[in-house]
Amino acid sequence: MTIVFGCKPFKKHVFDRLRKLLSEGYRRPWKDVHVDSVTEKITFELRHYGTKQLAGIQVYDWKGEKVRNNEGRYVTHTRKGVSAIFGLEYIDDYSATVFLVEGVMDAIAIRNLGHQALALMSNCIPKELAKELALLPNTVAVCDGDGPGRKLAKYAKRAIHLPSNQDPSSMDRTDLRHLL
């Protein structure tokens, strides 16, 4: 299974590869990912860290621009005041290394290399979630190569700082594997 990330802007063939990757799954199917072939959007379910209940969604639109303020390529809907993260259902062993990343695509890129990953959906998380993550014995923040991305380091036992303007989903798989 191979998926190409980092095409700017994403192209239709990237959406098709991502859809195929998600339909095949890694280790087990992606239960919390929904692909709409008509609108060509992918919806990711976000879970509350403590209860693992549905706490929100993120809709990915490959045709959208990557902008802030919850518009464009990534649109996130969560209940107010709730910590919503991606990847909880795929953590098999909390005593093993858990990589912490900002976004869903970053978690998918790391998971597809055979590692456990949680997308925190932000580099500034609620104190409640930060306390829970501090209880995990082996967390590694994979910090995007920009100013905001480096803030993620404070939530993990150790950190990997990616090169400037890089994130796990835009990196070559071999390079990412080497850094992890």
N, C-alpha and C. Protein backbone atom coordinates (compact mmCIF):
# COMPACT_ATOMS: atom_id res chain seq x y z
N MET A 1 0.83 -1.18 0.00
CA MET A 1 0.00 0.00 0.00
C MET A 1 0.88 1.24 0.00
N THR A 2 0.64 2.11 -0.93
CA THR A 2 1.39 3.35 -0.99
C THR A 2 0.43 4.50 -1.20
N ILE A 3 0.66 5.57 -0.50
CA ILE A 3 -0.10 6.79 -0.72
C ILE A 3 0.87 7.93 -0.85
N VAL A 4 0.61 8.80 -1.77
CA VAL A 4 1.47 9.94 -1.99
C VAL A 4 0.86 11.14 -1.30
N PHE A 5 1.58 11.69 -0.32
CA PHE A 5 1.15 12.92 0.34
C PHE A 5 2.06 14.03 -0.14
N GLY A 6 1.68 15.22 0.09
CA GLY A 6 2.56 16.34 -0.16
C GLY A 6 2.39 16.98 -1.51
N CYS A 7 1.49 16.51 -2.36
CA CYS A 7 1.24 17.18 -3.63
C CYS A 7 0.53 18.48 -3.31
N LYS A 8 1.00 19.58 -3.81
CA LYS A 8 0.40 20.87 -3.49
C LYS A 8 -0.05 21.51 -4.77
N PRO A 9 -1.35 21.69 -5.02
CA PRO A 9 -2.46 21.16 -4.22
C PRO A 9 -2.66 19.67 -4.50
N PHE A 10 -3.43 19.01 -3.64
CA PHE A 10 -3.69 17.60 -3.85
C PHE A 10 -4.38 17.43 -5.19
N LYS A 11 -4.12 16.37 -5.85
CA LYS A 11 -4.73 16.10 -7.15
C LYS A 11 -5.71 14.94 -7.00
N LYS A 12 -6.57 14.78 -8.00
CA LYS A 12 -7.60 13.75 -7.96
C LYS A 12 -7.00 12.38 -7.73
N HIS A 13 -5.86 12.07 -8.37
CA HIS A 13 -5.27 10.74 -8.20
C HIS A 13 -4.85 10.51 -6.74
N VAL A 14 -4.51 11.58 -6.02
CA VAL A 14 -4.14 11.43 -4.61
C VAL A 14 -5.38 11.06 -3.81
N PHE A 15 -6.51 11.72 -4.10
CA PHE A 15 -7.76 11.36 -3.43
C PHE A 15 -8.09 9.90 -3.69
N ASP A 16 -7.96 9.44 -4.92
CA ASP A 16 -8.27 8.05 -5.25
C ASP A 16 -7.36 7.09 -4.51
N ARG A 17 -6.08 7.42 -4.42
CA ARG A 17 -5.15 6.55 -3.68
C ARG A 17 -5.49 6.53 -2.20
N LEU A 18 -5.81 7.69 -1.63
CA LEU A 18 -6.18 7.76 -0.22
C LEU A 18 -7.44 6.94 0.03
N ARG A 19 -8.42 7.07 -0.85
CA ARG A 19 -9.66 6.30 -0.70
C ARG A 19 -9.36 4.80 -0.74
N LYS A 20 -8.51 4.37 -1.65
CA LYS A 20 -8.15 2.95 -1.76
C LYS A 20 -7.41 2.50 -0.49
N LEU A 21 -6.48 3.32 -0.02
CA LEU A 21 -5.72 3.00 1.19
C LEU A 21 -6.66 2.83 2.38
N LEU A 22 -7.59 3.75 2.52
CA LEU A 22 -8.50 3.69 3.65
C LEU A 22 -9.45 2.51 3.54
N SER A 23 -9.84 2.13 2.33
CA SER A 23 -10.74 0.99 2.18
C SER A 23 -10.03 -0.32 2.50
N GLU A 24 -8.73 -0.38 2.24
CA GLU A 24 -7.96 -1.58 2.57
C GLU A 24 -7.62 -1.63 4.05
N GLY A 25 -7.36 -0.46 4.61
CA GLY A 25 -7.00 -0.40 6.03
C GLY A 25 -5.59 -0.93 6.26
N TYR A 26 -5.11 -0.73 7.47
CA TYR A 26 -3.81 -1.25 7.88
C TYR A 26 -4.04 -1.96 9.19
N ARG A 27 -3.70 -3.21 9.26
CA ARG A 27 -3.95 -4.08 10.42
C ARG A 27 -5.43 -4.41 10.55
N ARG A 28 -6.27 -3.43 10.54
CA ARG A 28 -7.72 -3.65 10.61
C ARG A 28 -8.40 -2.48 9.89
N PRO A 29 -9.64 -2.62 9.51
CA PRO A 29 -10.31 -1.57 8.73
C PRO A 29 -10.40 -0.25 9.49
N TRP A 30 -10.52 0.81 8.74
CA TRP A 30 -10.70 2.15 9.30
C TRP A 30 -12.18 2.31 9.61
N LYS A 31 -12.58 1.98 10.83
CA LYS A 31 -13.99 2.04 11.20
C LYS A 31 -14.50 3.47 11.31
N ASP A 32 -13.63 4.39 11.60
CA ASP A 32 -14.06 5.76 11.87
C ASP A 32 -13.74 6.73 10.73
N VAL A 33 -13.60 6.19 9.52
CA VAL A 33 -13.33 7.00 8.35
C VAL A 33 -14.38 6.67 7.30
N HIS A 34 -14.96 7.72 6.72
CA HIS A 34 -16.03 7.53 5.75
C HIS A 34 -15.67 8.28 4.47
N VAL A 35 -15.68 7.57 3.34
CA VAL A 35 -15.33 8.15 2.06
C VAL A 35 -16.59 8.35 1.23
N ASP A 36 -16.81 9.58 0.77
CA ASP A 36 -17.94 9.89 -0.09
C ASP A 36 -17.40 10.10 -1.50
N SER A 37 -17.62 9.12 -2.36
CA SER A 37 -17.09 9.18 -3.71
C SER A 37 -17.81 10.20 -4.58
N VAL A 38 -19.01 10.58 -4.20
CA VAL A 38 -19.75 11.56 -4.97
C VAL A 38 -19.19 12.96 -4.75
N THR A 39 -19.07 13.36 -3.50
CA THR A 39 -18.53 14.69 -3.18
C THR A 39 -17.01 14.70 -3.13
N GLU A 40 -16.42 13.51 -3.13
CA GLU A 40 -14.97 13.34 -3.03
C GLU A 40 -14.42 13.97 -1.74
N LYS A 41 -15.17 13.75 -0.67
CA LYS A 41 -14.74 14.21 0.65
C LYS A 41 -14.59 13.01 1.56
N ILE A 42 -13.71 13.13 2.52
CA ILE A 42 -13.47 12.07 3.49
C ILE A 42 -13.78 12.63 4.87
N THR A 43 -14.56 11.90 5.64
CA THR A 43 -14.92 12.33 6.99
C THR A 43 -14.26 11.42 8.00
N PHE A 44 -13.57 12.02 8.95
CA PHE A 44 -12.88 11.29 10.00
C PHE A 44 -13.62 11.53 11.31
N GLU A 45 -13.95 10.46 12.02
CA GLU A 45 -14.58 10.60 13.32
C GLU A 45 -13.51 10.93 14.36
N LEU A 46 -13.84 11.85 15.23
CA LEU A 46 -12.94 12.26 16.31
C LEU A 46 -13.55 11.79 17.62
N ARG A 47 -12.72 11.28 18.50
CA ARG A 47 -13.18 10.68 19.76
C ARG A 47 -12.70 11.48 20.97
N HIS A 48 -13.49 11.41 22.03
CA HIS A 48 -13.10 11.99 23.31
C HIS A 48 -12.06 11.06 23.93
N TYR A 49 -10.96 11.62 24.41
CA TYR A 49 -9.87 10.78 24.92
C TYR A 49 -10.32 9.89 26.09
N GLY A 50 -11.06 10.44 27.02
CA GLY A 50 -11.44 9.68 28.21
C GLY A 50 -12.52 8.65 27.97
N THR A 51 -13.58 9.04 27.25
CA THR A 51 -14.72 8.14 27.06
C THR A 51 -14.68 7.36 25.77
N LYS A 52 -13.88 7.81 24.82
CA LYS A 52 -13.78 7.24 23.47
C LYS A 52 -15.09 7.36 22.69
N GLN A 53 -16.00 8.19 23.18
CA GLN A 53 -17.24 8.42 22.46
C GLN A 53 -17.01 9.44 21.36
N LEU A 54 -17.89 9.40 20.35
CA LEU A 54 -17.81 10.35 19.26
C LEU A 54 -17.92 11.77 19.80
N ALA A 55 -16.93 12.61 19.47
CA ALA A 55 -16.90 13.97 19.99
C ALA A 55 -16.88 15.00 18.86
N GLY A 56 -16.75 14.54 17.63
CA GLY A 56 -16.73 15.46 16.51
C GLY A 56 -16.29 14.76 15.24
N ILE A 57 -16.17 15.56 14.18
CA ILE A 57 -15.70 15.03 12.89
C ILE A 57 -14.76 16.05 12.25
N GLN A 58 -13.94 15.55 11.35
CA GLN A 58 -13.18 16.43 10.48
C GLN A 58 -13.47 15.99 9.06
N VAL A 59 -13.84 16.95 8.22
CA VAL A 59 -14.12 16.67 6.81
C VAL A 59 -12.94 17.17 6.00
N TYR A 60 -12.40 16.28 5.17
CA TYR A 60 -11.26 16.60 4.32
C TYR A 60 -11.76 16.74 2.89
N ASP A 61 -11.48 17.89 2.30
CA ASP A 61 -11.86 18.18 0.91
C ASP A 61 -10.59 18.44 0.13
N TRP A 62 -10.18 17.49 -0.68
CA TRP A 62 -8.91 17.61 -1.41
C TRP A 62 -8.88 18.82 -2.33
N LYS A 63 -10.06 19.34 -2.70
CA LYS A 63 -10.12 20.48 -3.62
C LYS A 63 -9.98 21.81 -2.89
N GLY A 64 -10.12 21.81 -1.57
CA GLY A 64 -10.06 23.05 -0.80
C GLY A 64 -8.64 23.54 -0.59
N GLU A 65 -8.53 24.81 -0.31
CA GLU A 65 -7.23 25.41 0.02
C GLU A 65 -6.93 25.13 1.49
N LYS A 66 -5.65 25.04 1.82
CA LYS A 66 -5.26 24.84 3.22
C LYS A 66 -5.21 26.20 3.90
N VAL A 67 -6.30 26.52 4.59
CA VAL A 67 -6.41 27.81 5.28
C VAL A 67 -6.82 27.57 6.72
N ARG A 68 -6.66 28.59 7.54
CA ARG A 68 -7.05 28.49 8.95
C ARG A 68 -8.52 28.86 9.10
N ASN A 69 -8.96 28.93 10.33
CA ASN A 69 -10.33 29.33 10.68
C ASN A 69 -11.38 28.35 10.21
N ASN A 70 -11.01 27.08 10.15
CA ASN A 70 -11.97 26.01 9.90
C ASN A 70 -12.68 26.14 8.55
N GLU A 71 -11.94 26.54 7.54
CA GLU A 71 -12.46 26.62 6.18
C GLU A 71 -11.51 25.89 5.26
N GLY A 72 -11.94 25.62 4.06
CA GLY A 72 -11.05 25.08 3.04
C GLY A 72 -10.90 23.58 3.09
N ARG A 73 -9.66 23.10 3.07
CA ARG A 73 -9.38 21.68 2.94
C ARG A 73 -9.82 20.87 4.16
N TYR A 74 -9.62 21.40 5.36
CA TYR A 74 -9.96 20.69 6.59
C TYR A 74 -11.01 21.50 7.35
N VAL A 75 -12.17 20.90 7.59
CA VAL A 75 -13.21 21.55 8.37
C VAL A 75 -13.54 20.63 9.54
N THR A 76 -13.37 21.13 10.75
CA THR A 76 -13.55 20.32 11.96
C THR A 76 -14.76 20.81 12.74
N HIS A 77 -15.59 19.86 13.14
CA HIS A 77 -16.78 20.15 13.96
C HIS A 77 -16.66 19.32 15.24
N THR A 78 -16.65 20.00 16.38
CA THR A 78 -16.62 19.30 17.66
C THR A 78 -17.60 19.96 18.61
N ARG A 79 -17.97 19.20 19.64
CA ARG A 79 -18.79 19.80 20.69
C ARG A 79 -17.93 20.77 21.47
N LYS A 80 -18.49 21.89 21.82
CA LYS A 80 -17.75 22.93 22.52
C LYS A 80 -17.17 22.40 23.84
N GLY A 81 -15.89 22.68 24.04
CA GLY A 81 -15.22 22.30 25.28
C GLY A 81 -14.82 20.84 25.38
N VAL A 82 -14.95 20.09 24.30
CA VAL A 82 -14.63 18.66 24.32
C VAL A 82 -13.31 18.42 23.59
N SER A 83 -12.43 17.63 24.18
CA SER A 83 -11.17 17.25 23.53
C SER A 83 -11.45 16.14 22.53
N ALA A 84 -11.35 16.45 21.27
CA ALA A 84 -11.63 15.46 20.22
C ALA A 84 -10.33 15.14 19.48
N ILE A 85 -9.97 13.85 19.46
CA ILE A 85 -8.74 13.44 18.79
C ILE A 85 -9.01 12.26 17.87
N PHE A 86 -8.07 12.00 16.96
CA PHE A 86 -8.20 10.91 16.01
C PHE A 86 -7.17 9.83 16.31
N GLY A 87 -7.59 8.57 16.23
CA GLY A 87 -6.66 7.46 16.33
C GLY A 87 -6.81 6.59 17.56
N LEU A 88 -7.70 6.94 18.46
CA LEU A 88 -7.85 6.17 19.70
C LEU A 88 -8.18 4.71 19.45
N GLU A 89 -9.02 4.45 18.46
CA GLU A 89 -9.44 3.07 18.21
C GLU A 89 -8.31 2.19 17.69
N TYR A 90 -7.20 2.80 17.31
CA TYR A 90 -6.10 2.04 16.72
C TYR A 90 -4.90 1.92 17.64
N ILE A 91 -5.04 2.35 18.89
CA ILE A 91 -3.97 2.18 19.86
C ILE A 91 -4.14 0.81 20.49
N ASP A 92 -3.19 -0.08 20.21
CA ASP A 92 -3.25 -1.44 20.71
C ASP A 92 -2.60 -1.61 22.07
N ASP A 93 -1.57 -0.80 22.33
CA ASP A 93 -0.78 -0.98 23.54
C ASP A 93 -0.32 0.38 24.05
N TYR A 94 -0.95 0.86 25.11
CA TYR A 94 -0.60 2.18 25.64
C TYR A 94 0.76 2.20 26.31
N SER A 95 1.34 1.03 26.59
CA SER A 95 2.68 1.01 27.19
C SER A 95 3.76 1.13 26.12
N ALA A 96 3.40 0.90 24.87
CA ALA A 96 4.34 1.04 23.76
C ALA A 96 4.39 2.52 23.34
N THR A 97 5.28 2.84 22.43
CA THR A 97 5.41 4.21 21.95
C THR A 97 4.14 4.66 21.25
N VAL A 98 3.68 5.85 21.62
CA VAL A 98 2.53 6.48 20.96
C VAL A 98 3.02 7.82 20.42
N PHE A 99 2.96 7.99 19.11
CA PHE A 99 3.39 9.23 18.48
C PHE A 99 2.22 10.22 18.51
N LEU A 100 2.52 11.45 18.87
CA LEU A 100 1.52 12.51 18.93
C LEU A 100 1.78 13.47 17.78
N VAL A 101 0.75 13.74 17.00
CA VAL A 101 0.86 14.64 15.85
C VAL A 101 -0.30 15.62 15.87
N GLU A 102 -0.21 16.63 15.01
CA GLU A 102 -1.26 17.64 14.95
C GLU A 102 -2.50 17.14 14.21
N GLY A 103 -2.33 16.59 13.02
CA GLY A 103 -3.47 16.31 12.17
C GLY A 103 -3.69 14.85 11.80
N VAL A 104 -4.88 14.60 11.30
CA VAL A 104 -5.31 13.25 10.92
C VAL A 104 -4.38 12.64 9.86
N MET A 105 -4.06 13.40 8.83
CA MET A 105 -3.21 12.85 7.76
C MET A 105 -1.83 12.48 8.28
N ASP A 106 -1.34 13.24 9.26
CA ASP A 106 -0.05 12.91 9.88
C ASP A 106 -0.14 11.59 10.64
N ALA A 107 -1.23 11.40 11.38
CA ALA A 107 -1.42 10.14 12.12
C ALA A 107 -1.53 8.96 11.16
N ILE A 108 -2.21 9.16 10.05
CA ILE A 108 -2.35 8.08 9.06
C ILE A 108 -0.98 7.73 8.48
N ALA A 109 -0.18 8.75 8.16
CA ALA A 109 1.15 8.50 7.59
C ALA A 109 2.01 7.68 8.55
N ILE A 110 1.96 8.01 9.84
CA ILE A 110 2.76 7.27 10.83
C ILE A 110 2.19 5.88 11.06
N ARG A 111 0.90 5.78 11.13
CA ARG A 111 0.26 4.47 11.35
C ARG A 111 0.56 3.52 10.19
N ASN A 112 0.62 4.06 8.99
CA ASN A 112 0.90 3.22 7.83
C ASN A 112 2.34 2.71 7.80
N LEU A 113 3.17 3.23 8.67
CA LEU A 113 4.52 2.69 8.85
C LEU A 113 4.56 1.65 9.96
N GLY A 114 3.39 1.36 10.55
CA GLY A 114 3.31 0.33 11.58
C GLY A 114 3.40 0.85 13.00
N HIS A 115 3.32 2.16 13.19
CA HIS A 115 3.42 2.75 14.52
C HIS A 115 2.05 3.23 15.01
N GLN A 116 1.94 3.41 16.30
CA GLN A 116 0.72 3.95 16.90
C GLN A 116 0.81 5.47 16.88
N ALA A 117 -0.30 6.14 16.56
CA ALA A 117 -0.29 7.59 16.49
C ALA A 117 -1.65 8.17 16.86
N LEU A 118 -1.63 9.29 17.54
CA LEU A 118 -2.83 10.04 17.87
C LEU A 118 -2.72 11.43 17.26
N ALA A 119 -3.76 11.86 16.57
CA ALA A 119 -3.83 13.22 16.05
C ALA A 119 -4.55 14.06 17.09
N LEU A 120 -3.86 15.04 17.65
CA LEU A 120 -4.42 15.87 18.71
C LEU A 120 -5.27 17.01 18.16
N MET A 121 -5.26 17.20 16.86
CA MET A 121 -6.08 18.18 16.15
C MET A 121 -5.69 19.62 16.45
N SER A 122 -4.59 19.80 17.14
CA SER A 122 -4.15 21.15 17.50
C SER A 122 -2.77 21.06 18.12
N ASN A 123 -2.11 22.20 18.22
CA ASN A 123 -0.86 22.25 18.96
C ASN A 123 -1.07 22.90 20.32
N CYS A 124 -2.31 23.22 20.61
CA CYS A 124 -2.68 23.82 21.89
C CYS A 124 -3.91 23.07 22.41
N ILE A 125 -3.69 22.09 23.25
CA ILE A 125 -4.78 21.21 23.68
C ILE A 125 -5.25 21.58 25.09
N PRO A 126 -6.46 21.18 25.44
CA PRO A 126 -6.97 21.47 26.79
C PRO A 126 -6.12 20.81 27.88
N LYS A 127 -6.10 21.44 29.05
CA LYS A 127 -5.30 20.93 30.18
C LYS A 127 -5.71 19.51 30.56
N GLU A 128 -7.00 19.21 30.47
CA GLU A 128 -7.51 17.87 30.80
C GLU A 128 -6.84 16.80 29.94
N LEU A 129 -6.75 17.05 28.65
CA LEU A 129 -6.12 16.10 27.74
C LEU A 129 -4.62 16.04 27.98
N ALA A 130 -3.99 17.18 28.23
CA ALA A 130 -2.55 17.20 28.50
C ALA A 130 -2.22 16.34 29.72
N LYS A 131 -3.06 16.39 30.75
CA LYS A 131 -2.84 15.58 31.95
C LYS A 131 -2.96 14.09 31.64
N GLU A 132 -3.93 13.73 30.82
CA GLU A 132 -4.12 12.32 30.43
C GLU A 132 -2.92 11.82 29.63
N LEU A 133 -2.46 12.63 28.69
CA LEU A 133 -1.31 12.22 27.86
C LEU A 133 -0.05 12.08 28.70
N ALA A 134 0.08 12.89 29.74
CA ALA A 134 1.26 12.82 30.62
C ALA A 134 1.34 11.48 31.35
N LEU A 135 0.22 10.79 31.48
CA LEU A 135 0.19 9.48 32.14
C LEU A 135 0.73 8.35 31.26
N LEU A 136 0.77 8.57 29.95
CA LEU A 136 1.30 7.54 29.05
C LEU A 136 2.81 7.46 29.21
N PRO A 137 3.36 6.24 29.30
CA PRO A 137 4.78 6.10 29.61
C PRO A 137 5.75 6.46 28.49
N ASN A 138 5.32 6.36 27.23
CA ASN A 138 6.27 6.57 26.14
C ASN A 138 5.61 7.32 24.99
N THR A 139 5.55 8.64 25.10
CA THR A 139 4.98 9.46 24.03
C THR A 139 6.08 10.23 23.32
N VAL A 140 5.91 10.36 22.02
CA VAL A 140 6.85 11.10 21.19
C VAL A 140 6.06 12.06 20.33
N ALA A 141 6.31 13.36 20.49
CA ALA A 141 5.66 14.36 19.65
C ALA A 141 6.44 14.44 18.34
N VAL A 142 5.75 14.36 17.24
CA VAL A 142 6.35 14.56 15.94
C VAL A 142 5.92 15.96 15.50
N CYS A 143 6.83 16.91 15.67
CA CYS A 143 6.52 18.32 15.49
C CYS A 143 6.74 18.76 14.05
N ASP A 144 5.70 19.33 13.46
CA ASP A 144 5.81 19.88 12.12
C ASP A 144 6.95 20.90 12.09
N GLY A 145 7.54 21.08 10.93
CA GLY A 145 8.68 21.98 10.80
C GLY A 145 8.30 23.44 10.67
N ASP A 146 7.35 23.88 11.49
CA ASP A 146 6.99 25.30 11.51
C ASP A 146 6.84 25.73 12.97
N GLY A 147 6.70 27.02 13.19
CA GLY A 147 6.59 27.55 14.55
C GLY A 147 5.49 26.92 15.37
N PRO A 148 4.24 26.95 14.86
CA PRO A 148 3.15 26.34 15.62
C PRO A 148 3.35 24.84 15.87
N GLY A 149 3.89 24.13 14.90
CA GLY A 149 4.09 22.69 15.04
C GLY A 149 5.04 22.32 16.16
N ARG A 150 6.00 23.17 16.44
CA ARG A 150 6.98 22.89 17.49
C ARG A 150 6.38 22.95 18.88
N LYS A 151 5.22 23.60 19.02
CA LYS A 151 4.56 23.70 20.32
C LYS A 151 4.08 22.35 20.83
N LEU A 152 3.91 21.40 19.94
CA LEU A 152 3.41 20.08 20.30
C LEU A 152 4.37 19.34 21.25
N ALA A 153 5.64 19.70 21.22
CA ALA A 153 6.66 19.01 22.02
C ALA A 153 6.36 19.00 23.51
N LYS A 154 5.68 20.00 24.01
CA LYS A 154 5.45 20.09 25.45
C LYS A 154 4.47 19.03 25.97
N TYR A 155 3.81 18.30 25.09
CA TYR A 155 2.84 17.30 25.52
C TYR A 155 3.39 15.88 25.52
N ALA A 156 4.67 15.71 25.23
CA ALA A 156 5.24 14.36 25.11
C ALA A 156 6.52 14.23 25.93
N LYS A 157 6.92 12.99 26.15
CA LYS A 157 8.15 12.71 26.89
C LYS A 157 9.38 13.12 26.08
N ARG A 158 9.29 12.97 24.76
CA ARG A 158 10.37 13.43 23.89
C ARG A 158 9.76 13.90 22.58
N ALA A 159 10.58 14.55 21.76
CA ALA A 159 10.06 15.13 20.53
C ALA A 159 11.01 14.90 19.36
N ILE A 160 10.42 14.80 18.20
CA ILE A 160 11.16 14.76 16.94
C ILE A 160 10.74 16.02 16.19
N HIS A 161 11.71 16.86 15.85
CA HIS A 161 11.43 18.10 15.13
C HIS A 161 11.74 17.88 13.65
N LEU A 162 10.71 18.01 12.83
CA LEU A 162 10.87 17.79 11.40
C LEU A 162 11.52 19.00 10.74
N PRO A 163 12.10 18.80 9.56
CA PRO A 163 12.71 19.92 8.83
C PRO A 163 11.68 21.02 8.55
N SER A 164 12.18 22.19 8.27
CA SER A 164 11.33 23.35 8.00
C SER A 164 10.27 23.05 6.94
N ASN A 165 9.05 23.49 7.21
CA ASN A 165 7.92 23.34 6.30
C ASN A 165 7.59 21.89 5.94
N GLN A 166 7.87 20.97 6.84
CA GLN A 166 7.55 19.56 6.63
C GLN A 166 6.57 19.11 7.70
N ASP A 167 5.75 18.14 7.34
CA ASP A 167 4.93 17.44 8.33
C ASP A 167 4.94 15.97 7.92
N PRO A 168 4.56 15.07 8.82
CA PRO A 168 4.67 13.64 8.50
C PRO A 168 3.95 13.22 7.21
N SER A 169 2.83 13.85 6.92
CA SER A 169 2.08 13.43 5.73
C SER A 169 2.68 13.94 4.43
N SER A 170 3.57 14.92 4.50
CA SER A 170 4.17 15.43 3.27
C SER A 170 5.55 14.83 3.00
N MET A 171 6.05 14.05 3.96
CA MET A 171 7.39 13.49 3.82
C MET A 171 7.39 12.18 3.04
N ASP A 172 8.52 11.90 2.44
CA ASP A 172 8.75 10.61 1.82
C ASP A 172 8.70 9.54 2.91
N ARG A 173 8.07 8.41 2.60
CA ARG A 173 7.92 7.34 3.61
C ARG A 173 9.25 6.87 4.17
N THR A 174 10.26 6.76 3.32
CA THR A 174 11.57 6.30 3.77
C THR A 174 12.19 7.30 4.73
N ASP A 175 12.08 8.59 4.40
CA ASP A 175 12.62 9.63 5.28
C ASP A 175 11.88 9.65 6.62
N LEU A 176 10.57 9.53 6.57
CA LEU A 176 9.78 9.53 7.80
C LEU A 176 10.13 8.32 8.66
N ARG A 177 10.23 7.15 8.04
CA ARG A 177 10.60 5.93 8.78
C ARG A 177 11.95 6.12 9.47
N HIS A 178 12.90 6.73 8.78
CA HIS A 178 14.24 6.96 9.35
C HIS A 178 14.18 7.89 10.56
N LEU A 179 13.34 8.94 10.49
CA LEU A 179 13.22 9.88 11.61
C LEU A 179 12.55 9.27 12.83
N LEU A 180 11.62 8.36 12.60
CA LEU A 180 10.90 7.76 13.72
C LEU A 180 11.78 6.73 14.41
